[in-house]
Amino acid sequence: MLPVVEGVYSYAELSTRSTEIEDEQRRNLMIKEYFFCKKIKTQIESKAKKIYERQIMSGVVAPYHCNYKLLESVADAYKNE
């Protein structure tokens, strides 16, 4: 899982309609993606946990994966500033 420091993020407001067609299309796509991710949330969390645990146990960062220890240390350093 990616560490996110409390207070450095904001929620996207998807309920606000736009008069711009491109903005409305982007909003509709984001809503579809949100509900898709929500539907498979348990599977996503399970796979992410396995990847994280495998990396922490082995110390090897697989190709195209985040370096979780590095991300956690940077998040901790940011929190302590």
PDB file of N, CA and C in Angstrom:
ATOM      1  N   MET A   1       0.838  -1.171   0.000  1.00  0.00           N
ATOM      2  CA  MET A   1       0.000   0.000   0.000  1.00  0.00           C
ATOM      3  C   MET A   1       0.891   1.246   0.000  1.00  0.00           C
ATOM      4  N   LEU A   2       0.421   2.270  -0.615  1.00  0.00           N
ATOM      5  CA  LEU A   2       1.184   3.507  -0.647  1.00  0.00           C
ATOM      6  C   LEU A   2       0.892   4.324   0.603  1.00  0.00           C
ATOM      7  N   PRO A   3       1.943   4.748   1.300  1.00  0.00           N
ATOM      8  CA  PRO A   3       1.701   5.562   2.490  1.00  0.00           C
ATOM      9  C   PRO A   3       1.287   6.973   2.075  1.00  0.00           C
ATOM     10  N   VAL A   4       0.219   7.460   2.658  1.00  0.00           N
ATOM     11  CA  VAL A   4      -0.249   8.815   2.366  1.00  0.00           C
ATOM     12  C   VAL A   4      -0.372   9.552   3.686  1.00  0.00           C
ATOM     13  N   VAL A   5       0.342  10.655   3.794  1.00  0.00           N
ATOM     14  CA  VAL A   5       0.338  11.442   5.014  1.00  0.00           C
ATOM     15  C   VAL A   5      -1.000  12.171   5.131  1.00  0.00           C
ATOM     16  N   GLU A   6      -1.596  12.091   6.300  1.00  0.00           N
ATOM     17  CA  GLU A   6      -2.882  12.747   6.565  1.00  0.00           C
ATOM     18  C   GLU A   6      -2.774  14.251   6.286  1.00  0.00           C
ATOM     19  N   GLY A   7      -3.733  14.769   5.557  1.00  0.00           N
ATOM     20  CA  GLY A   7      -3.793  16.207   5.315  1.00  0.00           C
ATOM     21  C   GLY A   7      -3.117  16.688   4.044  1.00  0.00           C
ATOM     22  N   VAL A   8      -2.457  15.805   3.291  1.00  0.00           N
ATOM     23  CA  VAL A   8      -1.793  16.250   2.058  1.00  0.00           C
ATOM     24  C   VAL A   8      -2.547  15.798   0.808  1.00  0.00           C
ATOM     25  N   TYR A   9      -3.766  15.379   0.993  1.00  0.00           N
ATOM     26  CA  TYR A   9      -4.587  14.952  -0.137  1.00  0.00           C
ATOM     27  C   TYR A   9      -5.962  15.595  -0.005  1.00  0.00           C
ATOM     28  N   SER A  10      -6.692  15.583  -1.082  1.00  0.00           N
ATOM     29  CA  SER A  10      -8.074  16.073  -1.043  1.00  0.00           C
ATOM     30  C   SER A  10      -8.938  15.128  -1.863  1.00  0.00           C
ATOM     31  N   TYR A  11     -10.200  15.117  -1.559  1.00  0.00           N
ATOM     32  CA  TYR A  11     -11.134  14.246  -2.256  1.00  0.00           C
ATOM     33  C   TYR A  11     -11.600  14.911  -3.547  1.00  0.00           C
ATOM     34  N   ALA A  12     -11.801  14.099  -4.561  1.00  0.00           N
ATOM     35  CA  ALA A  12     -12.325  14.604  -5.833  1.00  0.00           C
ATOM     36  C   ALA A  12     -13.843  14.673  -5.726  1.00  0.00           C
ATOM     37  N   GLU A  13     -14.401  15.785  -6.110  1.00  0.00           N
ATOM     38  CA  GLU A  13     -15.850  15.969  -6.078  1.00  0.00           C
ATOM     39  C   GLU A  13     -16.419  15.519  -7.414  1.00  0.00           C
ATOM     40  N   LEU A  14     -17.027  14.347  -7.425  1.00  0.00           N
ATOM     41  CA  LEU A  14     -17.542  13.782  -8.670  1.00  0.00           C
ATOM     42  C   LEU A  14     -19.011  14.104  -8.908  1.00  0.00           C
ATOM     43  N   SER A  15     -19.667  14.683  -7.927  1.00  0.00           N
ATOM     44  CA  SER A  15     -21.095  14.960  -8.087  1.00  0.00           C
ATOM     45  C   SER A  15     -21.357  16.287  -8.794  1.00  0.00           C
ATOM     46  N   THR A  16     -20.341  17.126  -8.936  1.00  0.00           N
ATOM     47  CA  THR A  16     -20.510  18.427  -9.570  1.00  0.00           C
ATOM     48  C   THR A  16     -20.546  18.281 -11.080  1.00  0.00           C
ATOM     49  N   ARG A  17     -21.589  18.778 -11.676  1.00  0.00           N
ATOM     50  CA  ARG A  17     -21.728  18.726 -13.133  1.00  0.00           C
ATOM     51  C   ARG A  17     -20.987  19.892 -13.765  1.00  0.00           C
ATOM     52  N   SER A  18     -20.618  19.725 -15.029  1.00  0.00           N
ATOM     53  CA  SER A  18     -19.899  20.761 -15.761  1.00  0.00           C
ATOM     54  C   SER A  18     -20.649  21.081 -17.050  1.00  0.00           C
ATOM     55  N   THR A  19     -20.461  22.304 -17.519  1.00  0.00           N
ATOM     56  CA  THR A  19     -21.066  22.684 -18.802  1.00  0.00           C
ATOM     57  C   THR A  19     -20.173  22.272 -19.962  1.00  0.00           C
ATOM     58  N   GLU A  20     -18.921  21.995 -19.676  1.00  0.00           N
ATOM     59  CA  GLU A  20     -17.984  21.578 -20.713  1.00  0.00           C
ATOM     60  C   GLU A  20     -18.164  20.087 -20.994  1.00  0.00           C
ATOM     61  N   ILE A  21     -18.294  19.727 -22.251  1.00  0.00           N
ATOM     62  CA  ILE A  21     -18.506  18.325 -22.634  1.00  0.00           C
ATOM     63  C   ILE A  21     -17.320  17.459 -22.217  1.00  0.00           C
ATOM     64  N   GLU A  22     -16.100  17.943 -22.442  1.00  0.00           N
ATOM     65  CA  GLU A  22     -14.907  17.158 -22.091  1.00  0.00           C
ATOM     66  C   GLU A  22     -14.833  16.916 -20.587  1.00  0.00           C
ATOM     67  N   ASP A  23     -15.158  17.939 -19.798  1.00  0.00           N
ATOM     68  CA  ASP A  23     -15.145  17.778 -18.342  1.00  0.00           C
ATOM     69  C   ASP A  23     -16.195  16.773 -17.902  1.00  0.00           C
ATOM     70  N   GLU A  24     -17.364  16.828 -18.529  1.00  0.00           N
ATOM     71  CA  GLU A  24     -18.446  15.904 -18.180  1.00  0.00           C
ATOM     72  C   GLU A  24     -18.075  14.469 -18.561  1.00  0.00           C
ATOM     73  N   GLN A  25     -17.416  14.296 -19.704  1.00  0.00           N
ATOM     74  CA  GLN A  25     -16.972  12.960 -20.122  1.00  0.00           C
ATOM     75  C   GLN A  25     -15.918  12.422 -19.157  1.00  0.00           C
ATOM     76  N   ARG A  26     -15.001  13.284 -18.745  1.00  0.00           N
ATOM     77  CA  ARG A  26     -13.962  12.878 -17.783  1.00  0.00           C
ATOM     78  C   ARG A  26     -14.609  12.496 -16.450  1.00  0.00           C
ATOM     79  N   ARG A  27     -15.586  13.282 -16.011  1.00  0.00           N
ATOM     80  CA  ARG A  27     -16.304  13.001 -14.770  1.00  0.00           C
ATOM     81  C   ARG A  27     -17.005  11.648 -14.853  1.00  0.00           C
ATOM     82  N   ASN A  28     -17.686  11.391 -15.962  1.00  0.00           N
ATOM     83  CA  ASN A  28     -18.387  10.115 -16.132  1.00  0.00           C
ATOM     84  C   ASN A  28     -17.416   8.937 -16.122  1.00  0.00           C
ATOM     85  N   LEU A  29     -16.265   9.101 -16.767  1.00  0.00           N
ATOM     86  CA  LEU A  29     -15.253   8.045 -16.765  1.00  0.00           C
ATOM     87  C   LEU A  29     -14.742   7.791 -15.349  1.00  0.00           C
ATOM     88  N   MET A  30     -14.483   8.863 -14.604  1.00  0.00           N
ATOM     89  CA  MET A  30     -13.998   8.708 -13.228  1.00  0.00           C
ATOM     90  C   MET A  30     -15.032   8.008 -12.352  1.00  0.00           C
ATOM     91  N   ILE A  31     -16.302   8.307 -12.565  1.00  0.00           N
ATOM     92  CA  ILE A  31     -17.359   7.645 -11.790  1.00  0.00           C
ATOM     93  C   ILE A  31     -17.394   6.156 -12.120  1.00  0.00           C
ATOM     94  N   LYS A  32     -17.296   5.822 -13.406  1.00  0.00           N
ATOM     95  CA  LYS A  32     -17.276   4.407 -13.805  1.00  0.00           C
ATOM     96  C   LYS A  32     -16.082   3.687 -13.189  1.00  0.00           C
ATOM     97  N   GLU A  33     -14.898   4.324 -13.237  1.00  0.00           N
ATOM     98  CA  GLU A  33     -13.693   3.723 -12.662  1.00  0.00           C
ATOM     99  C   GLU A  33     -13.835   3.556 -11.150  1.00  0.00           C
ATOM    100  N   TYR A  34     -14.413   4.555 -10.505  1.00  0.00           N
ATOM    101  CA  TYR A  34     -14.611   4.494  -9.055  1.00  0.00           C
ATOM    102  C   TYR A  34     -15.476   3.295  -8.671  1.00  0.00           C
ATOM    103  N   PHE A  35     -16.602   3.132  -9.345  1.00  0.00           N
ATOM    104  CA  PHE A  35     -17.500   2.022  -9.012  1.00  0.00           C
ATOM    105  C   PHE A  35     -16.888   0.668  -9.375  1.00  0.00           C
ATOM    106  N   PHE A  36     -16.101   0.616 -10.441  1.00  0.00           N
ATOM    107  CA  PHE A  36     -15.411  -0.628 -10.790  1.00  0.00           C
ATOM    108  C   PHE A  36     -14.421  -1.000  -9.686  1.00  0.00           C
ATOM    109  N   CYS A  37     -13.614  -0.032  -9.255  1.00  0.00           N
ATOM    110  CA  CYS A  37     -12.631  -0.293  -8.194  1.00  0.00           C
ATOM    111  C   CYS A  37     -13.324  -0.679  -6.891  1.00  0.00           C
ATOM    112  N   LYS A  38     -14.441  -0.020  -6.609  1.00  0.00           N
ATOM    113  CA  LYS A  38     -15.192  -0.334  -5.399  1.00  0.00           C
ATOM    114  C   LYS A  38     -15.712  -1.772  -5.431  1.00  0.00           C
ATOM    115  N   LYS A  39     -16.128  -2.216  -6.622  1.00  0.00           N
ATOM    116  CA  LYS A  39     -16.666  -3.565  -6.781  1.00  0.00           C
ATOM    117  C   LYS A  39     -15.601  -4.633  -6.510  1.00  0.00           C
ATOM    118  N   ILE A  40     -14.349  -4.359  -6.900  1.00  0.00           N
ATOM    119  CA  ILE A  40     -13.280  -5.352  -6.725  1.00  0.00           C
ATOM    120  C   ILE A  40     -12.283  -4.942  -5.634  1.00  0.00           C
ATOM    121  N   LYS A  41     -12.729  -4.098  -4.718  1.00  0.00           N
ATOM    122  CA  LYS A  41     -11.870  -3.562  -3.658  1.00  0.00           C
ATOM    123  C   LYS A  41     -11.160  -4.661  -2.867  1.00  0.00           C
ATOM    124  N   THR A  42     -11.881  -5.696  -2.483  1.00  0.00           N
ATOM    125  CA  THR A  42     -11.296  -6.780  -1.686  1.00  0.00           C
ATOM    126  C   THR A  42     -10.173  -7.470  -2.443  1.00  0.00           C
ATOM    127  N   GLN A  43     -10.379  -7.722  -3.732  1.00  0.00           N
ATOM    128  CA  GLN A  43      -9.347  -8.371  -4.547  1.00  0.00           C
ATOM    129  C   GLN A  43      -8.123  -7.469  -4.690  1.00  0.00           C
ATOM    130  N   ILE A  44      -8.347  -6.186  -4.900  1.00  0.00           N
ATOM    131  CA  ILE A  44      -7.238  -5.235  -5.030  1.00  0.00           C
ATOM    132  C   ILE A  44      -6.416  -5.222  -3.748  1.00  0.00           C
ATOM    133  N   GLU A  45      -7.100  -5.105  -2.610  1.00  0.00           N
ATOM    134  CA  GLU A  45      -6.399  -5.061  -1.324  1.00  0.00           C
ATOM    135  C   GLU A  45      -5.631  -6.346  -1.054  1.00  0.00           C
ATOM    136  N   SER A  46      -6.214  -7.480  -1.389  1.00  0.00           N
ATOM    137  CA  SER A  46      -5.560  -8.771  -1.169  1.00  0.00           C
ATOM    138  C   SER A  46      -4.288  -8.898  -2.004  1.00  0.00           C
ATOM    139  N   LYS A  47      -4.381  -8.555  -3.274  1.00  0.00           N
ATOM    140  CA  LYS A  47      -3.205  -8.635  -4.149  1.00  0.00           C
ATOM    141  C   LYS A  47      -2.134  -7.638  -3.729  1.00  0.00           C
ATOM    142  N   ALA A  48      -2.552  -6.425  -3.371  1.00  0.00           N
ATOM    143  CA  ALA A  48      -1.591  -5.407  -2.941  1.00  0.00           C
ATOM    144  C   ALA A  48      -0.863  -5.851  -1.675  1.00  0.00           C
ATOM    145  N   LYS A  49      -1.595  -6.459  -0.754  1.00  0.00           N
ATOM    146  CA  LYS A  49      -0.989  -6.930   0.490  1.00  0.00           C
ATOM    147  C   LYS A  49       0.041  -8.023   0.215  1.00  0.00           C
ATOM    148  N   LYS A  50      -0.281  -8.951  -0.687  1.00  0.00           N
ATOM    149  CA  LYS A  50       0.655 -10.022  -1.036  1.00  0.00           C
ATOM    150  C   LYS A  50       1.929  -9.456  -1.663  1.00  0.00           C
ATOM    151  N   ILE A  51       1.771  -8.517  -2.586  1.00  0.00           N
ATOM    152  CA  ILE A  51       2.929  -7.896  -3.236  1.00  0.00           C
ATOM    153  C   ILE A  51       3.786  -7.183  -2.200  1.00  0.00           C
ATOM    154  N   TYR A  52       3.146  -6.417  -1.323  1.00  0.00           N
ATOM    155  CA  TYR A  52       3.851  -5.672  -0.285  1.00  0.00           C
ATOM    156  C   TYR A  52       4.620  -6.621   0.630  1.00  0.00           C
ATOM    157  N   GLU A  53       3.942  -7.645   1.130  1.00  0.00           N
ATOM    158  CA  GLU A  53       4.582  -8.579   2.060  1.00  0.00           C
ATOM    159  C   GLU A  53       5.738  -9.326   1.400  1.00  0.00           C
ATOM    160  N   ARG A  54       5.566  -9.723   0.144  1.00  0.00           N
ATOM    161  CA  ARG A  54       6.634 -10.422  -0.578  1.00  0.00           C
ATOM    162  C   ARG A  54       7.862  -9.515  -0.704  1.00  0.00           C
ATOM    163  N   GLN A  55       7.621  -8.244  -1.023  1.00  0.00           N
ATOM    164  CA  GLN A  55       8.741  -7.317  -1.182  1.00  0.00           C
ATOM    165  C   GLN A  55       9.430  -7.047   0.152  1.00  0.00           C
ATOM    166  N   ILE A  56       8.682  -6.864   1.206  1.00  0.00           N
ATOM    167  CA  ILE A  56       9.273  -6.590   2.517  1.00  0.00           C
ATOM    168  C   ILE A  56      10.081  -7.796   3.001  1.00  0.00           C
ATOM    169  N   MET A  57       9.551  -9.004   2.797  1.00  0.00           N
ATOM    170  CA  MET A  57      10.247 -10.222   3.242  1.00  0.00           C
ATOM    171  C   MET A  57      11.523 -10.469   2.440  1.00  0.00           C
ATOM    172  N   SER A  58      11.469 -10.287   1.128  1.00  0.00           N
ATOM    173  CA  SER A  58      12.614 -10.619   0.284  1.00  0.00           C
ATOM    174  C   SER A  58      13.582  -9.454   0.115  1.00  0.00           C
ATOM    175  N   GLY A  59      13.080  -8.227   0.231  1.00  0.00           N
ATOM    176  CA  GLY A  59      13.920  -7.055   0.003  1.00  0.00           C
ATOM    177  C   GLY A  59      14.135  -6.757  -1.467  1.00  0.00           C
ATOM    178  N   VAL A  60      13.491  -7.520  -2.340  1.00  0.00           N
ATOM    179  CA  VAL A  60      13.642  -7.345  -3.789  1.00  0.00           C
ATOM    180  C   VAL A  60      12.436  -6.580  -4.329  1.00  0.00           C
ATOM    181  N   VAL A  61      12.724  -5.504  -5.074  1.00  0.00           N
ATOM    182  CA  VAL A  61      11.661  -4.724  -5.709  1.00  0.00           C
ATOM    183  C   VAL A  61      11.471  -5.267  -7.119  1.00  0.00           C
ATOM    184  N   ALA A  62      10.311  -5.836  -7.381  1.00  0.00           N
ATOM    185  CA  ALA A  62      10.021  -6.418  -8.695  1.00  0.00           C
ATOM    186  C   ALA A  62       9.895  -5.309  -9.740  1.00  0.00           C
ATOM    187  N   PRO A  63      10.157  -5.628 -11.006  1.00  0.00           N
ATOM    188  CA  PRO A  63       9.998  -4.630 -12.068  1.00  0.00           C
ATOM    189  C   PRO A  63       8.577  -4.055 -12.064  1.00  0.00           C
ATOM    190  N   TYR A  64       8.484  -2.766 -12.294  1.00  0.00           N
ATOM    191  CA  TYR A  64       7.209  -2.035 -12.368  1.00  0.00           C
ATOM    192  C   TYR A  64       6.470  -1.965 -11.036  1.00  0.00           C
ATOM    193  N   HIS A  65       7.162  -2.218  -9.938  1.00  0.00           N
ATOM    194  CA  HIS A  65       6.555  -2.117  -8.616  1.00  0.00           C
ATOM    195  C   HIS A  65       7.186  -0.949  -7.867  1.00  0.00           C
ATOM    196  N   CYS A  66       6.472  -0.425  -6.890  1.00  0.00           N
ATOM    197  CA  CYS A  66       6.994   0.643  -6.042  1.00  0.00           C
ATOM    198  C   CYS A  66       7.972   0.062  -5.026  1.00  0.00           C
ATOM    199  N   ASN A  67       8.932   0.873  -4.633  1.00  0.00           N
ATOM    200  CA  ASN A  67       9.828   0.508  -3.545  1.00  0.00           C
ATOM    201  C   ASN A  67       9.144   0.966  -2.253  1.00  0.00           C
ATOM    202  N   TYR A  68       8.435   0.056  -1.601  1.00  0.00           N
ATOM    203  CA  TYR A  68       7.591   0.415  -0.468  1.00  0.00           C
ATOM    204  C   TYR A  68       8.378   0.918   0.731  1.00  0.00           C
ATOM    205  N   LYS A  69       9.526   0.320   0.999  1.00  0.00           N
ATOM    206  CA  LYS A  69      10.334   0.794   2.135  1.00  0.00           C
ATOM    207  C   LYS A  69      10.770   2.237   1.911  1.00  0.00           C
ATOM    208  N   LEU A  70      11.176   2.556   0.682  1.00  0.00           N
ATOM    209  CA  LEU A  70      11.581   3.922   0.360  1.00  0.00           C
ATOM    210  C   LEU A  70      10.403   4.882   0.502  1.00  0.00           C
ATOM    211  N   LEU A  71       9.243   4.503  -0.023  1.00  0.00           N
ATOM    212  CA  LEU A  71       8.058   5.356   0.084  1.00  0.00           C
ATOM    213  C   LEU A  71       7.669   5.584   1.545  1.00  0.00           C
ATOM    214  N   GLU A  72       7.743   4.533   2.346  1.00  0.00           N
ATOM    215  CA  GLU A  72       7.406   4.671   3.763  1.00  0.00           C
ATOM    216  C   GLU A  72       8.385   5.586   4.479  1.00  0.00           C
ATOM    217  N   SER A  73       9.677   5.476   4.169  1.00  0.00           N
ATOM    218  CA  SER A  73      10.667   6.325   4.838  1.00  0.00           C
ATOM    219  C   SER A  73      10.505   7.786   4.418  1.00  0.00           C
ATOM    220  N   VAL A  74      10.186   8.028   3.155  1.00  0.00           N
ATOM    221  CA  VAL A  74       9.966   9.403   2.686  1.00  0.00           C
ATOM    222  C   VAL A  74       8.706   9.981   3.334  1.00  0.00           C
ATOM    223  N   ALA A  75       7.653   9.178   3.447  1.00  0.00           N
ATOM    224  CA  ALA A  75       6.419   9.640   4.097  1.00  0.00           C
ATOM    225  C   ALA A  75       6.682   9.960   5.567  1.00  0.00           C
ATOM    226  N   ASP A  76       7.462   9.121   6.240  1.00  0.00           N
ATOM    227  CA  ASP A  76       7.802   9.378   7.644  1.00  0.00           C
ATOM    228  C   ASP A  76       8.614  10.657   7.784  1.00  0.00           C
ATOM    229  N   ALA A  77       9.585  10.861   6.887  1.00  0.00           N
ATOM    230  CA  ALA A  77      10.405  12.073   6.929  1.00  0.00           C
ATOM    231  C   ALA A  77       9.539  13.311   6.699  1.00  0.00           C
ATOM    232  N   TYR A  78       8.594  13.219   5.786  1.00  0.00           N
ATOM    233  CA  TYR A  78       7.701  14.343   5.501  1.00  0.00           C
ATOM    234  C   TYR A  78       6.832  14.652   6.715  1.00  0.00           C
ATOM    235  N   LYS A  79       6.348  13.594   7.378  1.00  0.00           N
ATOM    236  CA  LYS A  79       5.509  13.772   8.572  1.00  0.00           C
ATOM    237  C   LYS A  79       6.270  14.484   9.678  1.00  0.00           C
ATOM    238  N   ASN A  80       7.570  14.198   9.783  1.00  0.00           N
ATOM    239  CA  ASN A  80       8.386  14.743  10.865  1.00  0.00           C
ATOM    240  C   ASN A  80       8.890  16.152  10.594  1.00  0.00           C
ATOM    241  N   GLU A  81       8.619  16.683   9.415  1.00  0.00           N
ATOM    242  CA  GLU A  81       9.079  18.054   9.108  1.00  0.00           C
ATOM    243  C   GLU A  81       8.230  19.089   9.780  1.00  0.00           C
TER     244      GLU A  81
END
